Amino acid sequence: MSGHSKWSTIKHKKALTDAKKSKVFSKIASLITIAARRGGDPDKNPALRTAIEKAREVNLPKENVERAIKRGTGEIAGATLEEVVYGAFGPGGVAVLITAITDNKNRTLAEIKKILQEHNSKFAEINSIQWMFRREGADWIPNSPMKIDDENTKKELTALYEALDDEQDVNEIYDNTGD
């Protein structure tokens, strides 16, 4: 019975969970770095305080949090991270707002456009989408939510969101479906 080693099974499962955890850790560290630009004191910076709370929820090590804060305040040199917002029209005409944290806007834009093209969606200029949303705190809320009844459209949207979420630089995805 070759290939049925218990250790081999454990090793593969651990590799998958570690990869997922690493992805979450790097996204939250990027959030902390962006928030720390406005000040490294969580008592005076509510965005940083919220990002640190998210880090605690996923058990991000304290050293990683401190390193991300130092990178954001400029104490540690490193790649400069920027927060960017992109717009798209998804399946069924759904407006999609994509926020990303990246060190290379051109690469991120190309990757997002590729994902959109693969999932029956079109990239749109941010001004053609942004008016459909209002900013409440750190979130974007649709001004007039639309209802999606078609099951195929729902499946296409779910596949699009999963593909976008798998992209390392994508931070949040908002749409005007009201769900």
Protein backbone atom coordinates (compact mmCIF):
# COMPACT_ATOMS: atom_id res chain seq x y z
CA MET A 1 0.00 0.00 0.00
CA SER A 2 2.47 2.61 -1.15
CA GLY A 3 1.47 6.24 -0.83
CA HIS A 4 -0.75 5.68 2.20
CA SER A 5 1.66 6.86 4.84
CA LYS A 6 0.03 8.67 7.75
CA TRP A 7 2.96 11.10 7.89
CA SER A 8 2.55 11.91 4.19
CA THR A 9 -1.13 12.69 4.69
CA ILE A 10 -0.40 14.92 7.68
CA LYS A 11 2.40 16.70 5.80
CA HIS A 12 0.12 17.57 2.86
CA LYS A 13 -2.74 18.76 5.08
CA LYS A 14 -0.33 20.90 7.13
CA ALA A 15 1.11 22.44 3.97
CA LEU A 16 -2.39 23.47 2.84
CA THR A 17 -3.39 24.98 6.19
CA ASP A 18 -0.04 26.76 6.50
CA ALA A 19 -0.46 28.28 3.03
CA LYS A 20 -3.94 29.57 3.93
CA LYS A 21 -2.70 30.97 7.25
CA SER A 22 0.25 32.66 5.55
CA LYS A 23 -2.06 34.36 3.06
CA VAL A 24 -4.29 35.71 5.84
CA PHE A 25 -1.27 36.85 7.88
CA SER A 26 0.25 38.77 4.97
CA LYS A 27 -3.06 40.48 4.15
CA ILE A 28 -3.51 41.62 7.74
CA ALA A 29 0.12 42.74 8.00
CA SER A 30 -0.44 44.86 4.87
CA LEU A 31 -3.56 46.39 6.46
CA ILE A 32 -1.56 47.24 9.57
CA THR A 33 1.23 48.80 7.49
CA ILE A 34 -1.23 51.01 5.58
CA ALA A 35 -3.04 52.04 8.78
CA ALA A 36 0.25 52.82 10.57
CA ARG A 37 1.07 55.52 8.01
CA ARG A 38 -1.36 57.82 9.84
CA GLY A 39 0.46 57.21 13.13
CA GLY A 40 1.88 54.26 15.00
CA ASP A 41 -0.12 54.73 18.20
CA PRO A 42 -3.30 52.58 18.25
CA ASP A 43 -4.86 54.88 20.87
CA LYS A 44 -4.73 57.83 18.45
CA ASN A 45 -5.29 55.87 15.21
CA PRO A 46 -8.64 54.01 15.04
CA ALA A 47 -7.78 52.35 11.71
CA LEU A 48 -4.63 50.89 13.23
CA ARG A 49 -6.54 49.76 16.32
CA THR A 50 -9.07 47.94 14.11
CA ALA A 51 -6.32 46.28 12.07
CA ILE A 52 -4.58 45.12 15.26
CA GLU A 53 -7.87 43.67 16.52
CA LYS A 54 -8.21 41.72 13.26
CA ALA A 55 -4.65 40.48 13.74
CA ARG A 56 -5.50 39.23 17.22
CA GLU A 57 -8.56 37.40 15.88
CA VAL A 58 -6.38 35.34 13.52
CA ASN A 59 -3.55 34.93 16.07
CA LEU A 60 -0.97 36.94 14.15
CA PRO A 61 2.26 36.90 16.21
CA LYS A 62 3.02 40.08 18.14
CA GLU A 63 6.42 40.41 16.45
CA ASN A 64 4.74 40.49 13.03
CA VAL A 65 2.33 43.21 14.20
CA GLU A 66 5.18 45.32 15.57
CA ARG A 67 7.22 44.85 12.38
CA ALA A 68 4.22 45.91 10.23
CA ILE A 69 3.70 49.03 12.35
CA LYS A 70 7.39 49.94 12.06
CA ARG A 71 7.26 49.42 8.29
CA GLY A 72 4.23 51.72 8.08
CA THR A 73 5.76 54.46 10.18
CA GLY A 74 9.00 54.31 8.20
CA GLU A 75 11.25 52.90 10.93
CA ILE A 76 11.97 49.85 8.76
CA ALA A 77 12.76 50.25 5.08
CA GLY A 78 10.87 48.04 2.68
CA ALA A 79 8.49 47.99 -0.25
CA THR A 80 6.09 50.92 -0.24
CA LEU A 81 2.53 49.66 -0.02
CA GLU A 82 -0.40 51.57 -1.50
CA GLU A 83 -4.12 51.11 -1.17
CA VAL A 84 -5.93 51.18 -4.52
CA VAL A 85 -9.59 50.84 -5.52
CA TYR A 86 -10.76 49.29 -8.80
CA GLY A 87 -14.22 48.98 -10.30
CA ALA A 88 -15.82 46.32 -12.47
CA PHE A 89 -19.12 45.15 -13.83
CA GLY A 90 -19.65 41.50 -12.96
CA PRO A 91 -22.09 38.92 -14.31
CA GLY A 92 -25.66 40.19 -14.45
CA GLY A 93 -24.52 43.82 -14.45
CA VAL A 94 -23.50 43.76 -10.79
CA ALA A 95 -21.21 46.66 -9.83
CA VAL A 96 -18.11 45.39 -8.03
CA LEU A 97 -15.70 47.55 -6.03
CA ILE A 98 -12.32 45.93 -5.35
CA THR A 99 -9.87 47.33 -2.81
CA ALA A 100 -6.28 46.13 -2.91
CA ILE A 101 -3.07 46.76 -1.03
CA THR A 102 -0.08 46.45 -3.31
CA ASP A 103 3.52 47.39 -3.86
CA ASN A 104 3.07 47.36 -7.66
CA LYS A 105 -0.15 48.90 -9.02
CA ASN A 106 0.52 47.84 -12.62
CA ARG A 107 0.96 44.16 -11.74
CA THR A 108 -2.14 44.14 -9.54
CA LEU A 109 -4.22 45.86 -12.21
CA ALA A 110 -3.13 43.34 -14.85
CA GLU A 111 -3.92 40.39 -12.57
CA ILE A 112 -7.35 41.77 -11.66
CA LYS A 113 -8.18 42.45 -15.32
CA LYS A 114 -7.19 38.87 -16.19
CA ILE A 115 -9.42 37.44 -13.45
CA LEU A 116 -12.32 39.64 -14.56
CA GLN A 117 -11.92 38.56 -18.17
CA GLU A 118 -11.89 34.88 -17.18
CA HIS A 119 -15.14 35.29 -15.23
CA ASN A 120 -17.37 37.11 -17.74
CA SER A 121 -16.77 40.53 -16.17
CA LYS A 122 -15.52 43.88 -17.43
CA PHE A 123 -13.09 46.31 -15.85
CA ALA A 124 -14.56 49.78 -15.38
CA GLU A 125 -13.07 53.12 -14.46
CA ILE A 126 -13.49 53.76 -10.75
CA ASN A 127 -15.60 56.90 -11.29
CA SER A 128 -18.19 54.91 -13.24
CA ILE A 129 -18.70 52.58 -10.24
CA GLN A 130 -17.93 54.62 -7.15
CA TRP A 131 -21.08 56.75 -7.35
CA MET A 132 -23.12 53.59 -6.69
CA PHE A 133 -21.54 53.26 -3.22
CA ARG A 134 -21.10 55.41 -0.14
CA ARG A 135 -18.28 55.14 2.36
CA GLU A 136 -19.21 54.23 5.94
CA GLY A 137 -16.09 53.93 8.05
CA ALA A 138 -13.79 51.53 6.25
CA ASP A 139 -16.59 49.84 4.26
CA TRP A 140 -18.40 50.66 1.03
CA ILE A 141 -22.20 50.35 1.19
CA PRO A 142 -24.36 50.24 -1.99
CA ASN A 143 -26.65 53.25 -2.47
CA SER A 144 -29.34 51.21 -4.23
CA PRO A 145 -28.90 47.45 -3.82
CA MET A 146 -30.09 45.21 -6.63
CA LYS A 147 -31.60 41.74 -6.29
CA ILE A 148 -30.13 38.76 -8.14
CA ASP A 149 -32.65 35.95 -8.73
CA ASP A 150 -30.86 33.93 -11.42
CA GLU A 151 -28.96 30.97 -9.92
CA ASN A 152 -26.40 30.90 -12.76
CA THR A 153 -25.55 34.55 -12.15
CA LYS A 154 -25.15 33.84 -8.43
CA LYS A 155 -22.78 30.96 -9.22
CA GLU A 156 -20.75 33.13 -11.62
CA LEU A 157 -20.50 35.88 -9.00
CA THR A 158 -19.39 33.38 -6.36
CA ALA A 159 -16.69 32.03 -8.70
CA LEU A 160 -15.54 35.60 -9.47
CA TYR A 161 -15.34 36.52 -5.77
CA GLU A 162 -13.39 33.35 -4.95
CA ALA A 163 -10.91 34.04 -7.77
CA LEU A 164 -10.46 37.66 -6.66
CA ASP A 165 -10.08 36.60 -3.04
CA ASP A 166 -7.32 34.16 -4.06
CA GLU A 167 -5.36 37.10 -5.49
CA GLN A 168 -2.76 38.04 -2.88
CA ASP A 169 -3.12 41.83 -3.19
CA VAL A 170 -6.95 41.99 -3.07
CA ASN A 171 -8.10 43.16 0.33
CA GLU A 172 -11.91 43.52 0.14
CA ILE A 173 -14.63 43.03 -2.47
CA TYR A 174 -17.88 44.98 -2.35
CA ASP A 175 -20.88 44.73 -4.66
CA ASN A 176 -24.29 46.32 -5.04
CA THR A 177 -26.36 43.15 -4.53
CA GLY A 178 -27.21 44.06 -0.96
CA ASP A 179 -26.41 40.56 0.34
